[in-house]
C-alpha atoms as a PDB file:
ATOM      1  CA  UNK A   1     108.713 -38.002 166.963  1.00  0.00           C
ATOM      2  CA  UNK A   2     104.603 -36.352 166.737  1.00  0.00           C
ATOM      3  CA  UNK A   3     104.328 -34.376 170.294  1.00  0.00           C
ATOM      4  CA  UNK A   4     101.516 -35.728 173.014  1.00  0.00           C
ATOM      5  CA  UNK A   5      98.765 -33.340 173.735  1.00  0.00           C
ATOM      6  CA  UNK A   6      96.265 -33.987 176.554  1.00  0.00           C
ATOM      7  CA  UNK A   7      94.490 -30.818 175.743  1.00  0.00           C
ATOM      8  CA  UNK A   8      91.340 -32.890 173.201  1.00  0.00           C
ATOM      9  CA  UNK A   9      90.917 -35.053 175.843  1.00  0.00           C
ATOM     10  CA  UNK A  10      90.688 -32.223 178.509  1.00  0.00           C
ATOM     11  CA  UNK A  11      88.476 -30.093 176.544  1.00  0.00           C
ATOM     12  CA  UNK A  12      86.184 -33.263 176.301  1.00  0.00           C
ATOM     13  CA  UNK A  13      85.520 -33.711 180.298  1.00  0.00           C
ATOM     14  CA  UNK A  14      83.301 -31.179 181.364  1.00  0.00           C
ATOM     15  CA  UNK A  15      84.181 -28.504 183.067  1.00  0.00           C
ATOM     16  CA  UNK A  16      82.380 -29.487 186.334  1.00  0.00           C
ATOM     17  CA  UNK A  17      83.834 -32.890 186.210  1.00  0.00           C
ATOM     18  CA  UNK A  18      87.013 -31.230 185.636  1.00  0.00           C
ATOM     19  CA  UNK A  19      86.651 -29.005 188.364  1.00  0.00           C
ATOM     20  CA  UNK A  20      85.649 -31.710 191.056  1.00  0.00           C
ATOM     21  CA  UNK A  21      88.298 -34.191 190.273  1.00  0.00           C
ATOM     22  CA  UNK A  22      91.144 -31.521 190.387  1.00  0.00           C
ATOM     23  CA  UNK A  23      89.896 -30.544 193.738  1.00  0.00           C
ATOM     24  CA  UNK A  24      90.070 -34.249 194.971  1.00  0.00           C
ATOM     25  CA  UNK A  25      93.411 -34.545 193.797  1.00  0.00           C
ATOM     26  CA  UNK A  26      94.405 -31.314 195.240  1.00  0.00           C
ATOM     27  CA  UNK A  27      93.432 -31.719 198.475  1.00  0.00           C
ATOM     28  CA  UNK A  28      94.194 -35.348 198.989  1.00  0.00           C
ATOM     29  CA  UNK A  29      97.765 -34.723 198.144  1.00  0.00           C
ATOM     30  CA  UNK A  30      98.233 -31.997 200.623  1.00  0.00           C
ATOM     31  CA  UNK A  31      96.513 -34.211 203.481  1.00  0.00           C
ATOM     32  CA  UNK A  32      98.438 -37.292 202.724  1.00  0.00           C
ATOM     33  CA  UNK A  33     101.974 -34.933 202.469  1.00  0.00           C
ATOM     34  CA  UNK A  34     100.859 -32.879 205.824  1.00  0.00           C
ATOM     35  CA  UNK A  35      99.832 -36.350 207.483  1.00  0.00           C
ATOM     36  CA  UNK A  36     103.035 -37.933 206.732  1.00  0.00           C
ATOM     37  CA  UNK A  37     105.119 -34.913 208.062  1.00  0.00           C
ATOM     38  CA  UNK A  38     102.816 -35.142 211.379  1.00  0.00           C
ATOM     39  CA  UNK A  39     103.518 -38.585 212.192  1.00  0.00           C
ATOM     40  CA  UNK A  40     107.515 -38.037 211.600  1.00  0.00           C
ATOM     41  CA  UNK A  41     107.401 -34.857 214.386  1.00  0.00           C
ATOM     42  CA  UNK A  42     104.476 -36.258 216.742  1.00  0.00           C
ATOM     43  CA  UNK A  43     105.551 -38.209 219.646  1.00  0.00           C
ATOM     44  CA  UNK A  44     102.057 -39.357 219.700  1.00  0.00           C
ATOM     45  CA  UNK A  45     100.848 -39.781 216.187  1.00  0.00           C
ATOM     46  CA  UNK A  46      96.654 -40.806 217.190  1.00  0.00           C
ATOM     47  CA  UNK A  47      94.558 -41.974 214.745  1.00  0.00           C
ATOM     48  CA  UNK A  48      94.993 -41.341 210.877  1.00  0.00           C
ATOM     49  CA  UNK A  49      94.012 -38.324 209.629  1.00  0.00           C
ATOM     50  CA  UNK A  50      93.425 -36.394 212.723  1.00  0.00           C
ATOM     51  CA  UNK A  51      96.780 -35.176 212.156  1.00  0.00           C
ATOM     52  CA  UNK A  52      95.069 -32.313 209.937  1.00  0.00           C
ATOM     53  CA  UNK A  53      91.858 -30.982 211.764  1.00  0.00           C
ATOM     54  CA  UNK A  54      91.877 -28.569 209.606  1.00  0.00           C
ATOM     55  CA  UNK A  55      91.194 -30.675 206.464  1.00  0.00           C
ATOM     56  CA  UNK A  56      89.431 -33.710 207.696  1.00  0.00           C
ATOM     57  CA  UNK A  57      86.751 -33.942 210.186  1.00  0.00           C
ATOM     58  CA  UNK A  58      87.640 -34.448 213.517  1.00  0.00           C
ATOM     59  CA  UNK A  59      84.180 -34.606 215.811  1.00  0.00           C
ATOM     60  CA  UNK A  60      86.228 -32.837 218.645  1.00  0.00           C
ATOM     61  CA  UNK A  61      87.749 -29.993 216.905  1.00  0.00           C
ATOM     62  CA  UNK A  62      85.768 -29.198 213.761  1.00  0.00           C
ATOM     63  CA  UNK A  63      83.071 -26.756 215.625  1.00  0.00           C
ATOM     64  CA  UNK A  64      86.380 -24.495 214.887  1.00  0.00           C
ATOM     65  CA  UNK A  65      86.792 -25.389 211.403  1.00  0.00           C
ATOM     66  CA  UNK A  66      83.293 -25.829 210.215  1.00  0.00           C
ATOM     67  CA  UNK A  67      84.514 -25.646 206.194  1.00  0.00           C
ATOM     68  CA  UNK A  68      85.737 -29.403 207.035  1.00  0.00           C
ATOM     69  CA  UNK A  69      82.472 -30.767 206.778  1.00  0.00           C
ATOM     70  CA  UNK A  70      83.065 -30.220 203.046  1.00  0.00           C
ATOM     71  CA  UNK A  71      86.621 -30.534 202.597  1.00  0.00           C
ATOM     72  CA  UNK A  72      86.664 -33.989 204.453  1.00  0.00           C
ATOM     73  CA  UNK A  73      84.331 -35.506 201.435  1.00  0.00           C
ATOM     74  CA  UNK A  74      86.875 -34.223 199.083  1.00  0.00           C
ATOM     75  CA  UNK A  75      89.729 -36.068 200.827  1.00  0.00           C
ATOM     76  CA  UNK A  76      91.186 -39.126 200.399  1.00  0.00           C
ATOM     77  CA  UNK A  77      94.242 -40.212 202.483  1.00  0.00           C
ATOM     78  CA  UNK A  78      95.100 -43.655 201.315  1.00  0.00           C
ATOM     79  CA  UNK A  79      96.582 -43.976 197.952  1.00  0.00           C
ATOM     80  CA  UNK A  80      94.264 -47.307 197.071  1.00  0.00           C
ATOM     81  CA  UNK A  81      91.123 -44.862 197.646  1.00  0.00           C
ATOM     82  CA  UNK A  82      92.290 -41.897 195.707  1.00  0.00           C
ATOM     83  CA  UNK A  83      92.889 -44.204 192.887  1.00  0.00           C
ATOM     84  CA  UNK A  84      90.132 -45.459 193.367  1.00  0.00           C
ATOM     85  CA  UNK A  85      88.025 -41.815 193.466  1.00  0.00           C
ATOM     86  CA  UNK A  86      90.280 -40.587 190.728  1.00  0.00           C
ATOM     87  CA  UNK A  87      88.845 -43.102 188.225  1.00  0.00           C
ATOM     88  CA  UNK A  88      85.333 -43.328 189.578  1.00  0.00           C
ATOM     89  CA  UNK A  89      84.119 -39.826 190.396  1.00  0.00           C
ATOM     90  CA  UNK A  90      85.261 -38.602 187.038  1.00  0.00           C
ATOM     91  CA  UNK A  91      83.255 -40.978 185.306  1.00  0.00           C
ATOM     92  CA  UNK A  92      80.273 -40.471 187.214  1.00  0.00           C
ATOM     93  CA  UNK A  93      80.274 -36.694 187.155  1.00  0.00           C
ATOM     94  CA  UNK A  94      80.689 -36.936 183.898  1.00  0.00           C
ATOM     95  CA  UNK A  95      77.603 -38.757 182.973  1.00  0.00           C
ATOM     96  CA  UNK A  96      75.702 -36.980 185.458  1.00  0.00           C
ATOM     97  CA  UNK A  97      76.458 -33.316 184.531  1.00  0.00           C
ATOM     98  CA  UNK A  98      75.162 -33.763 180.799  1.00  0.00           C
ATOM     99  CA  UNK A  99      71.979 -34.757 182.424  1.00  0.00           C
ATOM    100  CA  UNK A 100      71.471 -32.513 185.129  1.00  0.00           C
ATOM    101  CA  UNK A 101      74.070 -29.392 184.547  1.00  0.00           C
ATOM    102  CA  UNK A 102      76.876 -28.145 186.009  1.00  0.00           C
ATOM    103  CA  UNK A 103      74.914 -26.411 188.651  1.00  0.00           C
ATOM    104  CA  UNK A 104      72.829 -29.577 189.650  1.00  0.00           C
ATOM    105  CA  UNK A 105      75.916 -31.769 189.830  1.00  0.00           C
ATOM    106  CA  UNK A 106      78.095 -29.520 191.966  1.00  0.00           C
ATOM    107  CA  UNK A 107      74.684 -28.479 194.144  1.00  0.00           C
ATOM    108  CA  UNK A 108      73.884 -32.292 194.440  1.00  0.00           C
ATOM    109  CA  UNK A 109      78.019 -33.127 195.455  1.00  0.00           C
ATOM    110  CA  UNK A 110      77.630 -30.518 198.268  1.00  0.00           C
ATOM    111  CA  UNK A 111      74.215 -31.589 199.711  1.00  0.00           C
ATOM    112  CA  UNK A 112      75.525 -35.283 199.978  1.00  0.00           C
ATOM    113  CA  UNK A 113      79.354 -34.197 201.283  1.00  0.00           C
ATOM    114  CA  UNK A 114      78.117 -32.010 204.488  1.00  0.00           C
ATOM    115  CA  UNK A 115      74.792 -33.586 204.996  1.00  0.00           C
ATOM    116  CA  UNK A 116      76.510 -36.738 205.382  1.00  0.00           C
ATOM    117  CA  UNK A 117      79.548 -35.408 207.214  1.00  0.00           C
ATOM    118  CA  UNK A 118      76.803 -33.488 209.598  1.00  0.00           C
ATOM    119  CA  UNK A 119      74.946 -36.914 210.653  1.00  0.00           C
ATOM    120  CA  UNK A 120      78.854 -38.222 211.080  1.00  0.00           C
ATOM    121  CA  UNK A 121      79.498 -35.490 213.386  1.00  0.00           C
ATOM    122  CA  UNK A 122      75.908 -35.982 215.142  1.00  0.00           C
ATOM    123  CA  UNK A 123      76.614 -39.719 215.378  1.00  0.00           C
ATOM    124  CA  UNK A 124      80.070 -39.671 217.256  1.00  0.00           C
ATOM    125  CA  UNK A 125      78.979 -36.738 219.972  1.00  0.00           C
ATOM    126  CA  UNK A 126      76.098 -39.287 220.399  1.00  0.00           C
ATOM    127  CA  UNK A 127      78.727 -42.442 220.973  1.00  0.00           C
ATOM    128  CA  UNK A 128      80.479 -39.947 223.096  1.00  0.00           C
ATOM    129  CA  UNK A 129      77.579 -38.473 225.529  1.00  0.00           C
ATOM    130  CA  UNK A 130      75.738 -42.802 225.498  1.00  0.00           C
ATOM    131  CA  UNK A 131      79.163 -44.298 226.350  1.00  0.00           C
ATOM    132  CA  UNK A 132      81.450 -42.379 226.768  1.00  0.00           C
ATOM    133  CA  UNK A 133      83.762 -42.892 224.445  1.00  0.00           C
ATOM    134  CA  UNK A 134      86.116 -40.274 223.958  1.00  0.00           C
ATOM    135  CA  UNK A 135      87.615 -41.540 220.979  1.00  0.00           C
ATOM    136  CA  UNK A 136      84.527 -40.918 219.456  1.00  0.00           C
ATOM    137  CA  UNK A 137      85.370 -37.261 219.259  1.00  0.00           C
ATOM    138  CA  UNK A 138      89.256 -37.179 218.854  1.00  0.00           C
ATOM    139  CA  UNK A 139      90.113 -40.789 217.431  1.00  0.00           C
ATOM    140  CA  UNK A 140      87.550 -41.303 214.859  1.00  0.00           C
ATOM    141  CA  UNK A 141      88.335 -38.804 211.870  1.00  0.00           C
ATOM    142  CA  UNK A 142      85.956 -39.002 208.712  1.00  0.00           C
ATOM    143  CA  UNK A 143      87.045 -38.645 205.575  1.00  0.00           C
ATOM    144  CA  UNK A 144      87.032 -40.133 202.049  1.00  0.00           C
ATOM    145  CA  UNK A 145      84.517 -39.671 198.599  1.00  0.00           C
ATOM    146  CA  UNK A 146      82.334 -43.713 199.829  1.00  0.00           C
ATOM    147  CA  UNK A 147      79.740 -40.870 200.807  1.00  0.00           C
ATOM    148  CA  UNK A 148      79.472 -38.916 197.921  1.00  0.00           C
ATOM    149  CA  UNK A 149      80.349 -42.144 195.656  1.00  0.00           C
ATOM    150  CA  UNK A 150      76.912 -44.225 197.089  1.00  0.00           C
ATOM    151  CA  UNK A 151      74.883 -40.998 196.519  1.00  0.00           C
ATOM    152  CA  UNK A 152      76.034 -41.271 192.860  1.00  0.00           C
ATOM    153  CA  UNK A 153      75.041 -44.695 192.686  1.00  0.00           C
ATOM    154  CA  UNK A 154      71.684 -43.730 194.106  1.00  0.00           C
ATOM    155  CA  UNK A 155      71.192 -41.049 191.398  1.00  0.00           C
ATOM    156  CA  UNK A 156      72.030 -43.430 188.715  1.00  0.00           C
ATOM    157  CA  UNK A 157      69.554 -45.735 190.488  1.00  0.00           C
ATOM    158  CA  UNK A 158      67.030 -42.729 189.701  1.00  0.00           C
ATOM    159  CA  UNK A 159      67.772 -42.168 186.205  1.00  0.00           C
ATOM    160  CA  UNK A 160      69.192 -45.865 185.216  1.00  0.00           C
ATOM    161  CA  UNK A 161      67.922 -48.460 187.131  1.00  0.00           C
ATOM    162  CA  UNK A 162      68.192 -51.627 184.378  1.00  0.00           C
ATOM    163  CA  UNK A 163      71.260 -50.727 183.024  1.00  0.00           C
ATOM    164  CA  UNK A 164      73.507 -53.598 183.400  1.00  0.00           C
ATOM    165  CA  UNK A 165      77.593 -52.924 184.363  1.00  0.00           C
ATOM    166  CA  UNK A 166      80.277 -55.665 184.240  1.00  0.00           C
ATOM    167  CA  UNK A 167      81.984 -56.359 187.680  1.00  0.00           C
ATOM    168  CA  UNK A 168      85.693 -57.508 187.008  1.00  0.00           C
ATOM    169  CA  UNK A 169      84.815 -58.672 183.275  1.00  0.00           C
ATOM    170  CA  UNK A 170      82.676 -61.337 184.313  1.00  0.00           C
ATOM    171  CA  UNK A 171      79.588 -60.214 186.362  1.00  0.00           C
ATOM    172  CA  UNK A 172      76.933 -58.383 185.078  1.00  0.00           C
ATOM    173  CA  UNK A 173      75.107 -56.645 187.699  1.00  0.00           C
ATOM    174  CA  UNK A 174      71.924 -54.253 187.187  1.00  0.00           C
ATOM    175  CA  UNK A 175      72.733 -50.439 188.220  1.00  0.00           C
ATOM    176  CA  UNK A 176      69.858 -50.301 191.043  1.00  0.00           C
ATOM    177  CA  UNK A 177      71.380 -53.058 192.966  1.00  0.00           C
ATOM    178  CA  UNK A 178      74.730 -51.603 193.295  1.00  0.00           C
ATOM    179  CA  UNK A 179      73.736 -49.278 196.330  1.00  0.00           C
ATOM    180  CA  UNK A 180      72.828 -52.469 198.168  1.00  0.00           C
ATOM    181  CA  UNK A 181      76.028 -54.070 197.511  1.00  0.00           C
ATOM    182  CA  UNK A 182      77.815 -50.479 198.520  1.00  0.00           C
ATOM    183  CA  UNK A 183      75.308 -50.592 202.178  1.00  0.00           C
ATOM    184  CA  UNK A 184      76.367 -54.358 202.325  1.00  0.00           C
ATOM    185  CA  UNK A 185      80.109 -54.021 202.159  1.00  0.00           C
ATOM    186  CA  UNK A 186      79.916 -50.630 204.288  1.00  0.00           C
ATOM    187  CA  UNK A 187      78.172 -52.641 207.184  1.00  0.00           C
ATOM    188  CA  UNK A 188      80.829 -55.555 207.354  1.00  0.00           C
ATOM    189  CA  UNK A 189      83.584 -52.918 207.007  1.00  0.00           C
ATOM    190  CA  UNK A 190      81.663 -50.733 209.965  1.00  0.00           C
ATOM    191  CA  UNK A 191      81.759 -54.392 212.028  1.00  0.00           C
ATOM    192  CA  UNK A 192      85.636 -55.313 211.270  1.00  0.00           C
ATOM    193  CA  UNK A 193      87.111 -52.004 211.032  1.00  0.00           C
ATOM    194  CA  UNK A 194      84.934 -49.506 213.368  1.00  0.00           C
ATOM    195  CA  UNK A 195      82.431 -46.662 212.227  1.00  0.00           C
ATOM    196  CA  UNK A 196      85.186 -44.366 210.163  1.00  0.00           C
ATOM    197  CA  UNK A 197      84.827 -43.985 207.659  1.00  0.00           C
ATOM    198  CA  UNK A 198      82.779 -46.378 206.378  1.00  0.00           C
ATOM    199  CA  UNK A 199      79.752 -45.294 208.081  1.00  0.00           C
ATOM    200  CA  UNK A 200      79.704 -42.281 205.810  1.00  0.00           C
ATOM    201  CA  UNK A 201      78.480 -44.657 203.337  1.00  0.00           C
ATOM    202  CA  UNK A 202      75.373 -45.571 204.704  1.00  0.00           C
ATOM    203  CA  UNK A 203      75.148 -41.513 205.514  1.00  0.00           C
ATOM    204  CA  UNK A 204      75.684 -40.469 202.164  1.00  0.00           C
ATOM    205  CA  UNK A 205      73.006 -42.963 200.554  1.00  0.00           C
ATOM    206  CA  UNK A 206      70.247 -41.691 203.327  1.00  0.00           C
ATOM    207  CA  UNK A 207      71.299 -38.138 202.343  1.00  0.00           C
ATOM    208  CA  UNK A 208      71.115 -38.718 198.406  1.00  0.00           C
ATOM    209  CA  UNK A 209      67.849 -40.456 198.494  1.00  0.00           C
ATOM    210  CA  UNK A 210      65.981 -37.784 200.493  1.00  0.00           C
ATOM    211  CA  UNK A 211      67.204 -34.862 198.408  1.00  0.00           C
ATOM    212  CA  UNK A 212      66.416 -36.867 195.287  1.00  0.00           C
ATOM    213  CA  UNK A 213      63.039 -38.057 196.370  1.00  0.00           C
ATOM    214  CA  UNK A 214      61.936 -34.800 198.064  1.00  0.00           C
ATOM    215  CA  UNK A 215      63.631 -31.625 196.948  1.00  0.00           C
ATOM    216  CA  UNK A 216      65.364 -32.019 193.757  1.00  0.00           C
ATOM    217  CA  UNK A 217      63.848 -29.994 191.190  1.00  0.00           C
ATOM    218  CA  UNK A 218      62.467 -31.370 187.660  1.00  0.00           C
ATOM    219  CA  UNK A 219      63.631 -30.331 184.761  1.00  0.00           C
ATOM    220  CA  UNK A 220      60.595 -27.997 183.856  1.00  0.00           C
ATOM    221  CA  UNK A 221      60.759 -26.923 187.384  1.00  0.00           C
ATOM    222  CA  UNK A 222      56.989 -27.594 187.973  1.00  0.00           C
ATOM    223  CA  UNK A 223      57.200 -30.279 190.838  1.00  0.00           C
ATOM    224  CA  UNK A 224      60.296 -31.280 193.548  1.00  0.00           C
ATOM    225  CA  UNK A 225      61.189 -35.071 194.109  1.00  0.00           C
ATOM    226  CA  UNK A 226      60.758 -38.099 192.009  1.00  0.00           C
ATOM    227  CA  UNK A 227      57.291 -39.719 192.623  1.00  0.00           C
ATOM    228  CA  UNK A 228      57.938 -42.518 191.037  1.00  0.00           C
ATOM    229  CA  UNK A 229      56.635 -45.965 192.707  1.00  0.00           C
ATOM    230  CA  UNK A 230      59.849 -47.714 192.001  1.00  0.00           C
ATOM    231  CA  UNK A 231      61.959 -44.960 193.871  1.00  0.00           C
ATOM    232  CA  UNK A 232      60.041 -45.297 197.385  1.00  0.00           C
ATOM    233  CA  UNK A 233      62.199 -46.241 200.032  1.00  0.00           C
ATOM    234  CA  UNK A 234      60.739 -49.654 201.053  1.00  0.00           C
ATOM    235  CA  UNK A 235      61.984 -50.805 197.761  1.00  0.00           C
ATOM    236  CA  UNK A 236      65.500 -50.865 198.751  1.00  0.00           C
ATOM    237  CA  UNK A 237      65.387 -53.540 201.009  1.00  0.00           C
ATOM    238  CA  UNK A 238      64.419 -57.226 200.401  1.00  0.00           C
ATOM    239  CA  UNK A 239      60.555 -58.134 199.646  1.00  0.00           C
ATOM    240  CA  UNK A 240      60.138 -59.835 202.674  1.00  0.00           C
ATOM    241  CA  UNK A 241      60.643 -56.413 205.017  1.00  0.00           C
ATOM    242  CA  UNK A 242      59.323 -54.494 202.773  1.00  0.00           C
ATOM    243  CA  UNK A 243      56.034 -54.249 204.457  1.00  0.00           C
ATOM    244  CA  UNK A 244      57.576 -53.221 207.696  1.00  0.00           C
ATOM    245  CA  UNK A 245      59.647 -50.641 205.971  1.00  0.00           C
ATOM    246  CA  UNK A 246      56.581 -48.761 204.988  1.00  0.00           C
ATOM    247  CA  UNK A 247      55.339 -48.513 208.168  1.00  0.00           C
ATOM    248  CA  UNK A 248      58.269 -46.809 209.403  1.00  0.00           C
ATOM    249  CA  UNK A 249      58.840 -44.686 206.223  1.00  0.00           C
ATOM    250  CA  UNK A 250      55.200 -43.483 206.567  1.00  0.00           C
ATOM    251  CA  UNK A 251      55.450 -43.236 210.209  1.00  0.00           C
ATOM    252  CA  UNK A 252      58.937 -41.104 210.046  1.00  0.00           C
ATOM    253  CA  UNK A 253      56.912 -38.809 207.167  1.00  0.00           C
ATOM    254  CA  UNK A 254      54.496 -37.594 208.945  1.00  0.00           C
ATOM    255  CA  UNK A 255      56.878 -36.661 211.485  1.00  0.00           C
ATOM    256  CA  UNK A 256      58.763 -34.697 209.042  1.00  0.00           C
ATOM    257  CA  UNK A 257      55.576 -33.266 207.914  1.00  0.00           C
ATOM    258  CA  UNK A 258      54.602 -32.006 210.955  1.00  0.00           C
ATOM    259  CA  UNK A 259      58.061 -30.700 211.714  1.00  0.00           C
ATOM    260  CA  UNK A 260      58.104 -29.071 208.428  1.00  0.00           C
ATOM    261  CA  UNK A 261      61.297 -30.562 206.978  1.00  0.00           C
ATOM    262  CA  UNK A 262      58.997 -31.659 204.120  1.00  0.00           C
ATOM    263  CA  UNK A 263      56.037 -30.223 202.643  1.00  0.00           C
ATOM    264  CA  UNK A 264      52.580 -31.627 202.983  1.00  0.00           C
ATOM    265  CA  UNK A 265      50.290 -31.627 200.171  1.00  0.00           C
ATOM    266  CA  UNK A 266      47.287 -29.636 199.683  1.00  0.00           C
ATOM    267  CA  UNK A 267      45.809 -30.457 196.821  1.00  0.00           C
ATOM    268  CA  UNK A 268      45.453 -33.475 194.538  1.00  0.00           C
ATOM    269  CA  UNK A 269      48.306 -32.129 192.138  1.00  0.00           C
ATOM    270  CA  UNK A 270      50.774 -31.758 194.910  1.00  0.00           C
ATOM    271  CA  UNK A 271      49.859 -35.029 196.833  1.00  0.00           C
ATOM    272  CA  UNK A 272      52.576 -37.334 195.109  1.00  0.00           C
ATOM    273  CA  UNK A 273      55.351 -34.764 195.205  1.00  0.00           C
ATOM    274  CA  UNK A 274      56.465 -35.689 198.798  1.00  0.00           C
ATOM    275  CA  UNK A 275      55.187 -39.307 199.850  1.00  0.00           C
ATOM    276  CA  UNK A 276      57.767 -41.185 201.228  1.00  0.00           C
ATOM    277  CA  UNK A 277      56.341 -44.039 200.141  1.00  0.00           C
ATOM    278  CA  UNK A 278      53.891 -45.561 197.189  1.00  0.00           C
ATOM    279  CA  UNK A 279      50.072 -45.670 198.580  1.00  0.00           C
ATOM    280  CA  UNK A 280      46.763 -45.451 197.789  1.00  0.00           C
ATOM    281  CA  UNK A 281      46.846 -41.787 198.044  1.00  0.00           C
ATOM    282  CA  UNK A 282      49.859 -41.010 196.131  1.00  0.00           C
ATOM    283  CA  UNK A 283      49.004 -43.782 193.258  1.00  0.00           C
ATOM    284  CA  UNK A 284      45.540 -41.294 192.919  1.00  0.00           C
ATOM    285  CA  UNK A 285      47.226 -37.851 193.142  1.00  0.00           C
ATOM    286  CA  UNK A 286      49.489 -39.051 190.698  1.00  0.00           C
ATOM    287  CA  UNK A 287      46.746 -40.564 188.483  1.00  0.00           C
ATOM    288  CA  UNK A 288      45.153 -37.110 188.757  1.00  0.00           C
ATOM    289  CA  UNK A 289      48.082 -35.122 187.496  1.00  0.00           C
ATOM    290  CA  UNK A 290      48.876 -37.247 184.720  1.00  0.00           C
ATOM    291  CA  UNK A 291      45.390 -37.027 183.484  1.00  0.00           C
ATOM    292  CA  UNK A 292      44.894 -33.307 183.621  1.00  0.00           C
ATOM    293  CA  UNK A 293      48.515 -32.857 181.920  1.00  0.00           C
ATOM    294  CA  UNK A 294      46.833 -35.168 179.482  1.00  0.00           C
ATOM    295  CA  UNK A 295      43.619 -32.952 179.550  1.00  0.00           C
ATOM    296  CA  UNK A 296      45.712 -29.869 179.083  1.00  0.00           C
ATOM    297  CA  UNK A 297      47.458 -31.708 176.138  1.00  0.00           C
ATOM    298  CA  UNK A 298      44.261 -32.733 174.423  1.00  0.00           C
ATOM    299  CA  UNK A 299      42.313 -29.159 174.503  1.00  0.00           C
ATOM    300  CA  UNK A 300      45.597 -27.490 173.386  1.00  0.00           C
ATOM    301  CA  UNK A 301      45.570 -30.196 170.373  1.00  0.00           C
ATOM    302  CA  UNK A 302      41.879 -29.975 169.744  1.00  0.00           C
ATOM    303  CA  UNK A 303      42.442 -25.886 169.479  1.00  0.00           C
ATOM    304  CA  UNK A 304      45.036 -25.911 167.043  1.00  0.00           C
ATOM    305  CA  UNK A 305      42.933 -28.805 164.742  1.00  0.00           C
ATOM    306  CA  UNK A 306      39.608 -27.120 165.026  1.00  0.00           C
ATOM    307  CA  UNK A 307      38.035 -25.954 161.641  1.00  0.00           C
ATOM    308  CA  UNK A 308      38.045 -22.453 160.043  1.00  0.00           C
ATOM    309  CA  UNK A 309      34.511 -20.847 160.052  1.00  0.00           C
ATOM    310  CA  UNK A 310      33.020 -20.591 157.021  1.00  0.00           C
ATOM    311  CA  UNK A 311      33.257 -24.045 155.277  1.00  0.00           C
ATOM    312  CA  UNK A 312      30.159 -26.191 154.679  1.00  0.00           C
ATOM    313  CA  UNK A 313      29.306 -28.882 156.702  1.00  0.00           C
ATOM    314  CA  UNK A 314      30.270 -31.683 154.837  1.00  0.00           C
ATOM    315  CA  UNK A 315      33.690 -30.199 154.551  1.00  0.00           C
ATOM    316  CA  UNK A 316      34.199 -29.938 158.295  1.00  0.00           C
ATOM    317  CA  UNK A 317      33.146 -32.798 159.574  1.00  0.00           C
ATOM    318  CA  UNK A 318      36.138 -35.065 158.954  1.00  0.00           C
ATOM    319  CA  UNK A 319      37.852 -32.299 160.393  1.00  0.00           C
ATOM    320  CA  UNK A 320      35.950 -32.202 163.687  1.00  0.00           C
ATOM    321  CA  UNK A 321      36.004 -36.156 163.945  1.00  0.00           C
ATOM    322  CA  UNK A 322      39.873 -36.019 163.633  1.00  0.00           C
ATOM    323  CA  UNK A 323      40.126 -33.408 166.109  1.00  0.00           C
ATOM    324  CA  UNK A 324      38.313 -34.964 168.581  1.00  0.00           C
ATOM    325  CA  UNK A 325      40.697 -37.951 168.474  1.00  0.00           C
ATOM    326  CA  UNK A 326      44.230 -37.572 169.691  1.00  0.00           C
ATOM    327  CA  UNK A 327      47.096 -40.191 168.979  1.00  0.00           C
ATOM    328  CA  UNK A 328      48.069 -41.530 172.530  1.00  0.00           C
ATOM    329  CA  UNK A 329      51.790 -40.993 171.655  1.00  0.00           C
ATOM    330  CA  UNK A 330      50.840 -36.989 172.440  1.00  0.00           C
ATOM    331  CA  UNK A 331      49.544 -37.973 175.995  1.00  0.00           C
ATOM    332  CA  UNK A 332      51.830 -39.022 178.674  1.00  0.00           C
ATOM    333  CA  UNK A 333      51.813 -43.061 179.239  1.00  0.00           C
ATOM    334  CA  UNK A 334      49.535 -45.013 181.057  1.00  0.00           C
ATOM    335  CA  UNK A 335      46.904 -42.728 181.537  1.00  0.00           C
ATOM    336  CA  UNK A 336      43.248 -43.803 179.711  1.00  0.00           C
ATOM    337  CA  UNK A 337      40.631 -40.835 180.344  1.00  0.00           C
ATOM    338  CA  UNK A 338      37.247 -39.830 178.917  1.00  0.00           C
ATOM    339  CA  UNK A 339      36.489 -36.470 177.778  1.00  0.00           C
ATOM    340  CA  UNK A 340      33.931 -34.823 175.746  1.00  0.00           C
ATOM    341  CA  UNK A 341      35.004 -31.733 173.923  1.00  0.00           C
ATOM    342  CA  UNK A 342      32.031 -30.645 171.164  1.00  0.00           C
ATOM    343  CA  UNK A 343      29.976 -33.330 171.729  1.00  0.00           C
ATOM    344  CA  UNK A 344      32.447 -35.751 170.773  1.00  0.00           C
ATOM    345  CA  UNK A 345      34.273 -38.465 172.792  1.00  0.00           C
ATOM    346  CA  UNK A 346      38.141 -38.675 173.363  1.00  0.00           C
ATOM    347  CA  UNK A 347      40.134 -41.179 174.778  1.00  0.00           C
ATOM    348  CA  UNK A 348      43.505 -40.536 176.472  1.00  0.00           C
END
């Protein structure tokens, strides 16, 4: 009987994906085992997950276990949730790691998990302070990968928004619609079952979008964030309320700039780098940036194709003509600019 080896399969999985998946399995098995043991030995079991406050986020105790802001987002205390995570997380990580690299994948995962858990921590303390609910601190432990999962969906929306996936083998849905479906499920779950842990979906969505929109470095390292209009915050909402979301979003952005939470722009080249929502200024800045890149490419093209000195005028005139016209494939798309170089016009 031939031996079955999983080594070829494991070797095809990127390193970062393997590390994240194995960490999820290990912490989840430990958390589930210790939670069941604590339930058997405790006269007052309490909320599920509160038995391991050093592994999951219990807002009233997490100040003494700061590492739980990370570990809580890698622990699934239910068999169904663990099964879903073990299937979905490796698939998402594998794709993103090949696009971003292992460092950016792990960085994005940590930021999304820690950021969403910090918001959940503050939300629970706010509930206790305003409503006086003691359970908000000790009866609402946060755990699970729902925040990271929706963060990956936001990343897919940025990278492949028009790609279609099949749900249940029948329904085709565009990738850009998946975060909205996830948020809708989260809202229903929060109303029916309470805020923990379903509300982590909303927090994870916000953290992932803010990081990708404002802070993630581009591949060439020239600017931060995603300046595209289609990735603006207002386009996550139905068209009927987008104008109101735009007003609210721009107000929040201005406050964030004053508090130096995000970087304001000083020059036209950087004006679109941190714009929360698209507007005339951001669109003009993006056009200027693309125009400058096009002109830079044009200058390089002209310099490389300039005729050598000493030739006759009849021999050099064709070269001069060809050097002043640049094919549109060599410049960024959607740019129409006109410039003059050595007396000849070039349309970019």
